[in-house]
């Protein structure tokens, strides 16, 4: 390839290869994005409320040893939450000012959604050790009428952890699908529809 051909290839209009998104299609995309932003804001403020409530409850726990354990546990959960919410905030910033002019930018947005879906799953999985610790603390500090045998302790612990993890999984799936998943599916369908054109 000589220099003139290289210049011609360089100067070719890239928009011919990357189709533009029409204003009507952008409006269809912005509606689910706005709903996702609203849900992200609502989730953020709910989490803040939950942690404030948790620290207030910690302040009234007795004896001091229980109060200390629970406070450390809630503070650790807060650190994990801050880490994951910093990731979610990046996505929130991205979709707050979307520049969706081309098919490729829409594909990039979908990749970010899928990445954040994995973060969301990881966020819920990161609470598994906290659930186990909370159950152990509760079992240790509940004043039982009769001391628990080792077998009863194991059964209560395993049963509580199993039920807790199942409940966490169901809640996480429901929450994600209700507040984010259905909008992601809507945008994926728009992407497929746009690809056919």
N, C-alpha and C. Protein backbone atom coordinates (compact mmCIF):
# COMPACT_ATOMS: atom_id res chain seq x y z
N UNK A 1 0.86 -1.18 0.00
CA UNK A 1 0.00 0.00 0.00
C UNK A 1 0.90 1.23 0.00
N UNK A 2 0.67 2.13 -0.97
CA UNK A 2 1.51 3.33 -1.01
C UNK A 2 0.93 4.41 -0.09
N UNK A 3 1.64 5.52 -0.04
CA UNK A 3 1.28 6.60 0.89
C UNK A 3 -0.08 7.21 0.54
N UNK A 4 -0.42 7.36 -0.72
CA UNK A 4 -1.71 7.96 -1.10
C UNK A 4 -2.88 7.08 -0.68
N UNK A 5 -2.71 5.76 -0.85
CA UNK A 5 -3.78 4.84 -0.44
C UNK A 5 -3.96 4.87 1.08
N UNK A 6 -2.84 4.96 1.80
CA UNK A 6 -2.88 5.03 3.25
C UNK A 6 -3.60 6.31 3.70
N UNK A 7 -3.34 7.43 3.04
CA UNK A 7 -4.01 8.69 3.36
C UNK A 7 -5.51 8.58 3.11
N UNK A 8 -5.88 7.94 2.00
CA UNK A 8 -7.30 7.78 1.68
C UNK A 8 -8.01 6.92 2.73
N UNK A 9 -7.36 5.84 3.16
CA UNK A 9 -7.95 4.97 4.18
C UNK A 9 -8.08 5.74 5.49
N UNK A 10 -7.05 6.52 5.81
CA UNK A 10 -7.05 7.29 7.05
C UNK A 10 -8.17 8.34 7.05
N UNK A 11 -8.40 8.95 5.91
CA UNK A 11 -9.38 10.03 5.82
C UNK A 11 -10.81 9.55 5.60
N UNK A 12 -11.00 8.25 5.44
CA UNK A 12 -12.36 7.75 5.24
C UNK A 12 -13.22 8.07 6.44
N UNK A 13 -14.47 8.30 6.18
CA UNK A 13 -15.41 8.62 7.25
C UNK A 13 -15.69 7.37 8.07
N UNK A 14 -15.36 7.43 9.37
CA UNK A 14 -15.55 6.28 10.25
C UNK A 14 -17.03 6.02 10.48
N UNK A 15 -17.86 7.05 10.36
CA UNK A 15 -19.29 6.90 10.64
C UNK A 15 -19.97 5.96 9.65
N UNK A 16 -19.30 5.70 8.50
CA UNK A 16 -19.88 4.74 7.56
C UNK A 16 -19.83 3.33 8.14
N UNK A 17 -18.77 3.04 8.91
CA UNK A 17 -18.64 1.72 9.51
C UNK A 17 -19.46 1.60 10.79
N UNK A 18 -19.58 2.69 11.53
CA UNK A 18 -20.30 2.67 12.79
C UNK A 18 -21.61 3.43 12.62
N UNK A 19 -22.72 2.73 12.54
CA UNK A 19 -23.99 3.41 12.31
C UNK A 19 -24.37 4.31 13.48
N UNK A 20 -25.01 5.43 13.14
CA UNK A 20 -25.45 6.38 14.16
C UNK A 20 -26.79 5.99 14.72
N UNK A 21 -27.03 6.38 15.96
CA UNK A 21 -28.30 6.12 16.61
C UNK A 21 -29.18 7.35 16.40
N UNK A 22 -30.39 7.14 15.95
CA UNK A 22 -31.31 8.25 15.70
C UNK A 22 -31.79 8.84 17.03
N UNK A 23 -32.37 10.04 16.96
CA UNK A 23 -32.87 10.72 18.16
C UNK A 23 -34.00 9.90 18.79
N UNK A 24 -34.83 9.32 17.97
CA UNK A 24 -35.93 8.48 18.48
C UNK A 24 -35.39 7.29 19.26
N UNK A 25 -34.35 6.65 18.71
CA UNK A 25 -33.75 5.50 19.40
C UNK A 25 -33.06 5.94 20.69
N UNK A 26 -32.43 7.12 20.66
CA UNK A 26 -31.80 7.64 21.88
C UNK A 26 -32.83 7.86 22.98
N UNK A 27 -33.99 8.38 22.60
CA UNK A 27 -35.06 8.60 23.58
C UNK A 27 -35.54 7.27 24.17
N UNK A 28 -35.62 6.22 23.33
CA UNK A 28 -36.02 4.90 23.82
C UNK A 28 -35.00 4.37 24.82
N UNK A 29 -33.73 4.67 24.60
CA UNK A 29 -32.66 4.21 25.48
C UNK A 29 -32.64 5.02 26.77
N UNK A 30 -32.88 6.34 26.68
CA UNK A 30 -32.79 7.21 27.86
C UNK A 30 -33.85 6.91 28.91
N UNK A 31 -35.02 6.42 28.51
CA UNK A 31 -36.07 6.11 29.48
C UNK A 31 -35.62 5.02 30.46
N UNK A 32 -35.15 3.84 29.99
CA UNK A 32 -34.67 2.85 30.97
C UNK A 32 -33.43 3.31 31.73
N UNK A 33 -32.58 4.11 31.09
CA UNK A 33 -31.40 4.62 31.80
C UNK A 33 -31.81 5.53 32.95
N UNK A 34 -32.81 6.38 32.71
CA UNK A 34 -33.29 7.27 33.77
C UNK A 34 -33.88 6.48 34.93
N UNK A 35 -34.61 5.41 34.61
CA UNK A 35 -35.18 4.58 35.67
C UNK A 35 -34.08 3.88 36.46
N UNK A 36 -33.02 3.44 35.78
CA UNK A 36 -31.90 2.81 36.47
C UNK A 36 -31.19 3.82 37.39
N UNK A 37 -31.00 5.04 36.91
CA UNK A 37 -30.37 6.09 37.73
C UNK A 37 -31.21 6.34 38.99
N UNK A 38 -32.52 6.43 38.81
CA UNK A 38 -33.42 6.67 39.94
C UNK A 38 -33.31 5.53 40.96
N UNK A 39 -33.28 4.29 40.46
CA UNK A 39 -33.16 3.14 41.36
C UNK A 39 -31.81 3.11 42.07
N UNK A 40 -30.75 3.52 41.36
CA UNK A 40 -29.42 3.57 41.99
C UNK A 40 -29.39 4.60 43.12
N UNK A 41 -30.01 5.76 42.88
CA UNK A 41 -30.08 6.78 43.94
C UNK A 41 -30.86 6.26 45.15
N UNK A 42 -32.00 5.63 44.87
CA UNK A 42 -32.84 5.09 45.94
C UNK A 42 -32.07 4.03 46.74
N UNK A 43 -31.34 3.16 46.05
CA UNK A 43 -30.57 2.12 46.74
C UNK A 43 -29.47 2.73 47.59
N UNK A 44 -28.81 3.74 47.06
CA UNK A 44 -27.73 4.41 47.80
C UNK A 44 -28.25 4.99 49.12
N UNK A 45 -29.37 5.74 49.05
CA UNK A 45 -29.91 6.36 50.26
C UNK A 45 -30.46 5.31 51.22
N UNK A 46 -31.01 4.21 50.69
CA UNK A 46 -31.50 3.13 51.58
C UNK A 46 -30.35 2.51 52.35
N UNK A 47 -29.24 2.27 51.66
CA UNK A 47 -28.07 1.66 52.32
C UNK A 47 -27.54 2.58 53.41
N UNK A 48 -27.51 3.89 53.13
CA UNK A 48 -27.06 4.84 54.16
C UNK A 48 -27.98 4.75 55.38
N UNK A 49 -29.30 4.71 55.14
CA UNK A 49 -30.26 4.59 56.24
C UNK A 49 -30.07 3.31 57.03
N UNK A 50 -29.83 2.21 56.33
CA UNK A 50 -29.64 0.91 56.99
C UNK A 50 -28.39 0.95 57.89
N UNK A 51 -27.31 1.54 57.40
CA UNK A 51 -26.09 1.59 58.22
C UNK A 51 -26.25 2.53 59.42
N UNK A 52 -26.94 3.64 59.23
CA UNK A 52 -27.18 4.54 60.37
C UNK A 52 -27.99 3.79 61.44
N UNK A 53 -29.05 3.10 61.00
CA UNK A 53 -29.87 2.32 61.92
C UNK A 53 -29.04 1.24 62.62
N UNK A 54 -28.17 0.56 61.85
CA UNK A 54 -27.33 -0.51 62.42
C UNK A 54 -26.39 0.02 63.50
N UNK A 55 -25.78 1.17 63.26
CA UNK A 55 -24.87 1.73 64.26
C UNK A 55 -25.63 2.21 65.50
N UNK A 56 -26.87 2.69 65.32
CA UNK A 56 -27.69 3.08 66.47
C UNK A 56 -28.01 1.84 67.31
N UNK A 57 -28.38 0.73 66.63
CA UNK A 57 -28.66 -0.52 67.35
C UNK A 57 -27.42 -1.00 68.09
N UNK A 58 -26.26 -0.88 67.43
CA UNK A 58 -24.99 -1.30 68.08
C UNK A 58 -24.75 -0.53 69.37
N UNK A 59 -25.13 0.75 69.39
CA UNK A 59 -24.89 1.58 70.57
C UNK A 59 -25.67 1.09 71.78
N UNK A 60 -26.79 0.39 71.56
CA UNK A 60 -27.62 -0.07 72.67
C UNK A 60 -27.41 -1.55 73.04
N UNK A 61 -26.49 -2.22 72.35
CA UNK A 61 -26.24 -3.64 72.64
C UNK A 61 -25.51 -3.78 73.98
N UNK A 62 -25.88 -4.79 74.71
CA UNK A 62 -25.24 -5.11 75.99
C UNK A 62 -24.97 -6.60 76.01
N UNK A 63 -23.93 -7.09 76.58
CA UNK A 63 -22.81 -6.45 77.26
C UNK A 63 -21.85 -5.81 76.25
N UNK A 64 -20.79 -5.20 76.81
CA UNK A 64 -19.84 -4.46 75.97
C UNK A 64 -19.20 -5.35 74.91
N UNK A 65 -18.90 -6.59 75.27
CA UNK A 65 -18.26 -7.52 74.33
C UNK A 65 -19.14 -7.72 73.09
N UNK A 66 -20.43 -7.91 73.30
CA UNK A 66 -21.37 -8.06 72.18
C UNK A 66 -21.42 -6.78 71.35
N UNK A 67 -21.48 -5.64 72.04
CA UNK A 67 -21.51 -4.35 71.35
C UNK A 67 -20.26 -4.18 70.48
N UNK A 68 -19.12 -4.53 71.03
CA UNK A 68 -17.86 -4.40 70.30
C UNK A 68 -17.85 -5.29 69.06
N UNK A 69 -18.22 -6.57 69.23
CA UNK A 69 -18.23 -7.51 68.10
C UNK A 69 -19.17 -7.04 66.99
N UNK A 70 -20.37 -6.64 67.38
CA UNK A 70 -21.35 -6.23 66.38
C UNK A 70 -20.89 -4.95 65.68
N UNK A 71 -20.33 -4.00 66.41
CA UNK A 71 -19.85 -2.75 65.82
C UNK A 71 -18.74 -3.01 64.82
N UNK A 72 -17.80 -3.89 65.18
CA UNK A 72 -16.70 -4.23 64.25
C UNK A 72 -17.26 -4.90 63.00
N UNK A 73 -18.24 -5.78 63.19
CA UNK A 73 -18.85 -6.47 62.06
C UNK A 73 -19.57 -5.48 61.12
N UNK A 74 -20.35 -4.58 61.70
CA UNK A 74 -21.08 -3.59 60.88
C UNK A 74 -20.09 -2.64 60.19
N UNK A 75 -19.03 -2.24 60.89
CA UNK A 75 -18.02 -1.37 60.28
C UNK A 75 -17.33 -2.08 59.12
N UNK A 76 -17.06 -3.38 59.27
CA UNK A 76 -16.45 -4.15 58.16
C UNK A 76 -17.40 -4.24 56.98
N UNK A 77 -18.69 -4.44 57.26
CA UNK A 77 -19.68 -4.47 56.19
C UNK A 77 -19.74 -3.12 55.48
N UNK A 78 -19.60 -2.04 56.25
CA UNK A 78 -19.60 -0.70 55.66
C UNK A 78 -18.42 -0.51 54.72
N UNK A 79 -17.24 -1.01 55.10
CA UNK A 79 -16.06 -0.90 54.22
C UNK A 79 -16.26 -1.65 52.91
N UNK A 80 -16.83 -2.85 53.00
CA UNK A 80 -17.11 -3.64 51.79
C UNK A 80 -18.12 -2.90 50.92
N UNK A 81 -19.14 -2.35 51.55
CA UNK A 81 -20.17 -1.61 50.81
C UNK A 81 -19.59 -0.38 50.13
N UNK A 82 -18.71 0.34 50.82
CA UNK A 82 -18.08 1.53 50.22
C UNK A 82 -17.28 1.12 48.98
N UNK A 83 -16.55 0.02 49.07
CA UNK A 83 -15.77 -0.44 47.92
C UNK A 83 -16.67 -0.70 46.72
N UNK A 84 -17.74 -1.47 46.92
CA UNK A 84 -18.61 -1.82 45.80
C UNK A 84 -19.41 -0.62 45.30
N UNK A 85 -19.83 0.25 46.21
CA UNK A 85 -20.59 1.41 45.76
C UNK A 85 -19.71 2.40 44.99
N UNK A 86 -18.41 2.39 45.22
CA UNK A 86 -17.52 3.23 44.40
C UNK A 86 -17.54 2.73 42.96
N UNK A 87 -17.64 1.41 42.77
CA UNK A 87 -17.75 0.83 41.42
C UNK A 87 -19.10 1.20 40.79
N UNK A 88 -20.17 1.09 41.59
CA UNK A 88 -21.50 1.40 41.07
C UNK A 88 -21.60 2.90 40.74
N UNK A 89 -20.89 3.74 41.51
CA UNK A 89 -20.95 5.18 41.26
C UNK A 89 -20.34 5.52 39.90
N UNK A 90 -19.31 4.78 39.50
CA UNK A 90 -18.73 5.01 38.16
C UNK A 90 -19.76 4.76 37.08
N UNK A 91 -20.51 3.67 37.21
CA UNK A 91 -21.56 3.38 36.24
C UNK A 91 -22.63 4.46 36.29
N UNK A 92 -22.99 4.89 37.48
CA UNK A 92 -24.00 5.95 37.63
C UNK A 92 -23.54 7.22 36.90
N UNK A 93 -22.26 7.56 37.06
CA UNK A 93 -21.72 8.74 36.38
C UNK A 93 -21.76 8.57 34.87
N UNK A 94 -21.44 7.36 34.41
CA UNK A 94 -21.46 7.09 32.96
C UNK A 94 -22.86 7.25 32.38
N UNK A 95 -23.86 6.69 33.05
CA UNK A 95 -25.20 6.74 32.47
C UNK A 95 -25.93 8.04 32.80
N UNK A 96 -25.33 8.88 33.66
CA UNK A 96 -25.94 10.18 33.94
C UNK A 96 -25.75 11.14 32.79
N UNK A 97 -24.69 10.94 32.04
CA UNK A 97 -24.44 11.83 30.91
C UNK A 97 -24.07 10.99 29.69
N UNK A 98 -25.02 10.19 29.20
CA UNK A 98 -24.67 9.27 28.11
C UNK A 98 -24.50 10.00 26.77
N UNK A 99 -23.47 9.62 26.06
CA UNK A 99 -23.27 10.13 24.71
C UNK A 99 -23.46 8.94 23.78
N UNK A 100 -24.70 8.55 23.59
CA UNK A 100 -25.01 7.36 22.80
C UNK A 100 -25.34 7.76 21.38
N UNK A 101 -24.29 8.01 20.61
CA UNK A 101 -24.53 8.44 19.24
C UNK A 101 -24.32 7.29 18.25
N UNK A 102 -23.57 6.28 18.67
CA UNK A 102 -23.29 5.18 17.74
C UNK A 102 -23.62 3.84 18.36
N UNK A 103 -23.71 2.86 17.51
CA UNK A 103 -23.97 1.49 17.90
C UNK A 103 -22.88 1.00 18.84
N UNK A 104 -21.63 1.38 18.55
CA UNK A 104 -20.49 0.94 19.38
C UNK A 104 -20.58 1.51 20.79
N UNK A 105 -21.02 2.76 20.93
CA UNK A 105 -21.14 3.34 22.27
C UNK A 105 -22.23 2.62 23.07
N UNK A 106 -23.28 2.17 22.39
CA UNK A 106 -24.34 1.41 23.05
C UNK A 106 -23.81 0.02 23.47
N UNK A 107 -23.00 -0.59 22.61
CA UNK A 107 -22.40 -1.88 22.97
C UNK A 107 -21.47 -1.73 24.18
N UNK A 108 -20.73 -0.63 24.21
CA UNK A 108 -19.83 -0.36 25.33
C UNK A 108 -20.64 -0.20 26.63
N UNK A 109 -21.76 0.48 26.55
CA UNK A 109 -22.63 0.65 27.72
C UNK A 109 -23.13 -0.71 28.21
N UNK A 110 -23.52 -1.59 27.29
CA UNK A 110 -23.99 -2.92 27.68
C UNK A 110 -22.87 -3.73 28.35
N UNK A 111 -21.64 -3.57 27.86
CA UNK A 111 -20.51 -4.26 28.51
C UNK A 111 -20.33 -3.76 29.94
N UNK A 112 -20.49 -2.45 30.15
CA UNK A 112 -20.38 -1.90 31.50
C UNK A 112 -21.50 -2.42 32.39
N UNK A 113 -22.71 -2.55 31.84
CA UNK A 113 -23.82 -3.11 32.60
C UNK A 113 -23.51 -4.55 33.02
N UNK A 114 -23.00 -5.33 32.09
CA UNK A 114 -22.69 -6.73 32.40
C UNK A 114 -21.58 -6.84 33.44
N UNK A 115 -20.60 -5.96 33.35
CA UNK A 115 -19.52 -5.93 34.35
C UNK A 115 -20.09 -5.57 35.72
N UNK A 116 -20.96 -4.58 35.77
CA UNK A 116 -21.55 -4.17 37.04
C UNK A 116 -22.51 -5.22 37.59
N UNK A 117 -23.09 -6.02 36.70
CA UNK A 117 -23.93 -7.13 37.16
C UNK A 117 -23.06 -8.11 37.95
N UNK A 118 -21.84 -8.35 37.47
CA UNK A 118 -20.91 -9.23 38.18
C UNK A 118 -20.49 -8.60 39.52
N UNK A 119 -20.27 -7.27 39.53
CA UNK A 119 -19.96 -6.59 40.78
C UNK A 119 -21.11 -6.75 41.77
N UNK A 120 -22.32 -6.64 41.26
CA UNK A 120 -23.50 -6.74 42.11
C UNK A 120 -23.58 -8.13 42.74
N UNK A 121 -23.34 -9.15 41.94
CA UNK A 121 -23.33 -10.53 42.45
C UNK A 121 -22.22 -10.70 43.49
N UNK A 122 -21.04 -10.16 43.19
CA UNK A 122 -19.92 -10.23 44.14
C UNK A 122 -20.24 -9.50 45.43
N UNK A 123 -20.95 -8.39 45.33
CA UNK A 123 -21.35 -7.62 46.51
C UNK A 123 -22.19 -8.48 47.44
N UNK A 124 -23.17 -9.19 46.88
CA UNK A 124 -24.01 -10.05 47.72
C UNK A 124 -23.22 -11.23 48.27
N UNK A 125 -22.34 -11.81 47.47
CA UNK A 125 -21.54 -12.95 47.94
C UNK A 125 -20.57 -12.54 49.05
N UNK A 126 -20.13 -11.28 49.01
CA UNK A 126 -19.18 -10.82 50.02
C UNK A 126 -19.81 -10.77 51.41
N UNK A 127 -21.14 -10.84 51.48
CA UNK A 127 -21.80 -10.81 52.79
C UNK A 127 -21.93 -12.18 53.43
N UNK A 128 -21.51 -13.23 52.73
CA UNK A 128 -21.58 -14.59 53.29
C UNK A 128 -20.80 -14.69 54.60
N UNK A 129 -19.54 -14.27 54.66
CA UNK A 129 -18.81 -14.38 55.94
C UNK A 129 -19.46 -13.56 57.06
N UNK A 130 -20.05 -12.42 56.70
CA UNK A 130 -20.70 -11.59 57.71
C UNK A 130 -21.93 -12.29 58.30
N UNK A 131 -22.67 -12.98 57.45
CA UNK A 131 -23.84 -13.72 57.94
C UNK A 131 -23.38 -14.82 58.90
N UNK A 132 -22.34 -15.54 58.52
CA UNK A 132 -21.82 -16.60 59.38
C UNK A 132 -21.38 -16.02 60.73
N UNK A 133 -20.64 -14.92 60.70
CA UNK A 133 -20.18 -14.30 61.95
C UNK A 133 -21.35 -13.81 62.81
N UNK A 134 -22.35 -13.20 62.17
CA UNK A 134 -23.50 -12.72 62.92
C UNK A 134 -24.22 -13.87 63.62
N UNK A 135 -24.39 -14.98 62.91
CA UNK A 135 -25.08 -16.13 63.50
C UNK A 135 -24.27 -16.70 64.65
N UNK A 136 -22.96 -16.79 64.50
CA UNK A 136 -22.10 -17.29 65.60
C UNK A 136 -22.22 -16.37 66.82
N UNK A 137 -22.19 -15.06 66.58
CA UNK A 137 -22.30 -14.11 67.70
C UNK A 137 -23.65 -14.25 68.40
N UNK A 138 -24.71 -14.36 67.60
CA UNK A 138 -26.05 -14.50 68.19
C UNK A 138 -26.15 -15.79 69.00
N UNK A 139 -25.65 -16.89 68.44
CA UNK A 139 -25.70 -18.17 69.17
C UNK A 139 -24.92 -18.08 70.48
N UNK A 140 -23.77 -17.42 70.45
CA UNK A 140 -22.93 -17.32 71.65
C UNK A 140 -23.54 -16.43 72.73
N UNK A 141 -24.26 -15.39 72.33
CA UNK A 141 -24.72 -14.41 73.31
C UNK A 141 -26.19 -14.54 73.70
N UNK A 142 -26.95 -15.42 73.04
CA UNK A 142 -28.35 -15.63 73.45
C UNK A 142 -28.34 -16.40 74.78
N UNK A 143 -29.08 -15.89 75.76
CA UNK A 143 -29.14 -16.64 77.04
C UNK A 143 -30.08 -17.84 76.91
N UNK A 144 -29.53 -19.01 76.66
CA UNK A 144 -30.33 -20.22 76.51
C UNK A 144 -30.75 -20.74 77.88
N UNK A 145 -31.97 -21.31 78.01
CA UNK A 145 -32.38 -21.84 79.31
C UNK A 145 -31.47 -22.99 79.78
N UNK A 146 -31.03 -23.80 78.80
CA UNK A 146 -30.10 -24.89 79.09
C UNK A 146 -28.93 -24.75 78.13
N UNK A 147 -27.72 -25.02 78.58
CA UNK A 147 -26.58 -24.93 77.66
C UNK A 147 -26.79 -25.85 76.45
N UNK A 148 -26.43 -25.34 75.28
CA UNK A 148 -26.60 -26.12 74.05
C UNK A 148 -25.50 -27.17 73.93
N UNK A 149 -25.90 -28.34 73.47
CA UNK A 149 -24.89 -29.38 73.20
C UNK A 149 -24.18 -29.00 71.90
N UNK A 150 -23.04 -29.63 71.67
CA UNK A 150 -22.29 -29.33 70.44
C UNK A 150 -23.10 -29.68 69.20
N UNK A 151 -23.85 -30.77 69.25
CA UNK A 151 -24.67 -31.18 68.09
C UNK A 151 -25.74 -30.14 67.79
N UNK A 152 -26.43 -29.65 68.84
CA UNK A 152 -27.46 -28.64 68.65
C UNK A 152 -26.86 -27.35 68.09
N UNK A 153 -25.69 -26.98 68.61
CA UNK A 153 -25.02 -25.77 68.14
C UNK A 153 -24.71 -25.89 66.64
N UNK A 154 -24.17 -27.04 66.23
CA UNK A 154 -23.84 -27.26 64.81
C UNK A 154 -25.10 -27.23 63.95
N UNK A 155 -26.17 -27.89 64.42
CA UNK A 155 -27.41 -27.92 63.65
C UNK A 155 -27.99 -26.51 63.51
N UNK A 156 -28.03 -25.76 64.61
CA UNK A 156 -28.56 -24.39 64.56
C UNK A 156 -27.70 -23.53 63.63
N UNK A 157 -26.37 -23.65 63.76
CA UNK A 157 -25.47 -22.85 62.93
C UNK A 157 -25.63 -23.18 61.45
N UNK A 158 -25.57 -24.48 61.10
CA UNK A 158 -25.69 -24.87 59.69
C UNK A 158 -27.07 -24.53 59.11
N UNK A 159 -28.12 -24.78 59.92
CA UNK A 159 -29.47 -24.45 59.45
C UNK A 159 -29.64 -22.95 59.23
N UNK A 160 -29.15 -22.15 60.16
CA UNK A 160 -29.26 -20.69 60.04
C UNK A 160 -28.46 -20.17 58.86
N UNK A 161 -27.24 -20.68 58.68
CA UNK A 161 -26.41 -20.24 57.56
C UNK A 161 -27.06 -20.62 56.24
N UNK A 162 -27.56 -21.85 56.13
CA UNK A 162 -28.21 -22.30 54.89
C UNK A 162 -29.42 -21.44 54.57
N UNK A 163 -30.29 -21.24 55.57
CA UNK A 163 -31.48 -20.40 55.34
C UNK A 163 -31.09 -18.96 55.03
N UNK A 164 -30.09 -18.44 55.76
CA UNK A 164 -29.63 -17.07 55.54
C UNK A 164 -29.08 -16.87 54.14
N UNK A 165 -28.26 -17.82 53.67
CA UNK A 165 -27.68 -17.70 52.33
C UNK A 165 -28.75 -17.83 51.25
N UNK A 166 -29.69 -18.74 51.45
CA UNK A 166 -30.79 -18.91 50.49
C UNK A 166 -31.61 -17.62 50.42
N UNK A 167 -31.93 -17.06 51.57
CA UNK A 167 -32.68 -15.81 51.63
C UNK A 167 -31.91 -14.68 50.96
N UNK A 168 -30.59 -14.60 51.22
CA UNK A 168 -29.74 -13.57 50.61
C UNK A 168 -29.73 -13.71 49.09
N UNK A 169 -29.61 -14.95 48.61
CA UNK A 169 -29.61 -15.20 47.16
C UNK A 169 -30.93 -14.78 46.53
N UNK A 170 -32.05 -15.19 47.13
CA UNK A 170 -33.38 -14.86 46.59
C UNK A 170 -33.58 -13.34 46.58
N UNK A 171 -33.23 -12.70 47.69
CA UNK A 171 -33.38 -11.24 47.77
C UNK A 171 -32.51 -10.53 46.74
N UNK A 172 -31.26 -10.99 46.60
CA UNK A 172 -30.34 -10.38 45.63
C UNK A 172 -30.84 -10.51 44.21
N UNK A 173 -31.32 -11.71 43.86
CA UNK A 173 -31.86 -11.94 42.51
C UNK A 173 -33.09 -11.07 42.25
N UNK A 174 -34.00 -11.06 43.22
CA UNK A 174 -35.23 -10.28 43.08
C UNK A 174 -34.90 -8.80 42.93
N UNK A 175 -34.04 -8.32 43.83
CA UNK A 175 -33.69 -6.89 43.84
C UNK A 175 -33.05 -6.49 42.52
N UNK A 176 -32.08 -7.28 42.07
CA UNK A 176 -31.38 -6.92 40.84
C UNK A 176 -32.33 -6.94 39.64
N UNK A 177 -33.12 -8.02 39.51
CA UNK A 177 -34.03 -8.12 38.36
C UNK A 177 -35.09 -7.04 38.38
N UNK A 178 -35.59 -6.71 39.55
CA UNK A 178 -36.67 -5.71 39.65
C UNK A 178 -36.16 -4.31 39.34
N UNK A 179 -34.99 -3.96 39.88
CA UNK A 179 -34.54 -2.58 39.78
C UNK A 179 -33.53 -2.31 38.67
N UNK A 180 -32.90 -3.37 38.13
CA UNK A 180 -31.90 -3.15 37.09
C UNK A 180 -32.03 -4.10 35.90
N UNK A 181 -32.24 -5.37 36.18
CA UNK A 181 -32.23 -6.40 35.14
C UNK A 181 -33.21 -6.17 34.02
N UNK A 182 -34.44 -5.80 34.36
CA UNK A 182 -35.45 -5.62 33.30
C UNK A 182 -35.10 -4.45 32.39
N UNK A 183 -34.43 -3.42 32.93
CA UNK A 183 -34.02 -2.29 32.08
C UNK A 183 -32.83 -2.67 31.21
N UNK A 184 -31.95 -3.53 31.76
CA UNK A 184 -30.84 -4.02 30.94
C UNK A 184 -31.36 -4.85 29.77
N UNK A 185 -32.37 -5.69 30.03
CA UNK A 185 -32.96 -6.50 28.97
C UNK A 185 -33.58 -5.60 27.92
N UNK A 186 -34.24 -4.52 28.36
CA UNK A 186 -34.85 -3.57 27.42
C UNK A 186 -33.79 -2.95 26.51
N UNK A 187 -32.67 -2.55 27.10
CA UNK A 187 -31.59 -1.95 26.31
C UNK A 187 -30.95 -2.99 25.39
N UNK A 188 -30.80 -4.24 25.86
CA UNK A 188 -30.27 -5.31 25.01
C UNK A 188 -31.17 -5.54 23.80
N UNK A 189 -32.49 -5.51 24.03
CA UNK A 189 -33.43 -5.68 22.92
C UNK A 189 -33.33 -4.53 21.92
N UNK A 190 -33.14 -3.31 22.43
CA UNK A 190 -32.94 -2.16 21.53
C UNK A 190 -31.65 -2.33 20.72
N UNK A 191 -30.63 -2.87 21.38
CA UNK A 191 -29.36 -3.11 20.71
C UNK A 191 -29.52 -4.12 19.59
N UNK A 192 -30.27 -5.21 19.85
CA UNK A 192 -30.51 -6.22 18.81
C UNK A 192 -31.34 -5.63 17.66
N UNK A 193 -32.33 -4.85 18.05
CA UNK A 193 -33.19 -4.21 17.04
C UNK A 193 -32.39 -3.26 16.18
N UNK A 194 -31.48 -2.52 16.81
CA UNK A 194 -30.63 -1.56 16.10
C UNK A 194 -29.67 -2.30 15.16
N UNK A 195 -29.19 -3.46 15.59
CA UNK A 195 -28.24 -4.24 14.79
C UNK A 195 -28.88 -4.74 13.51
N UNK A 196 -30.18 -5.06 13.58
CA UNK A 196 -30.89 -5.57 12.40
C UNK A 196 -31.06 -4.51 11.34
N UNK A 197 -31.13 -3.24 11.76
CA UNK A 197 -31.38 -2.16 10.79
C UNK A 197 -30.18 -1.91 9.88
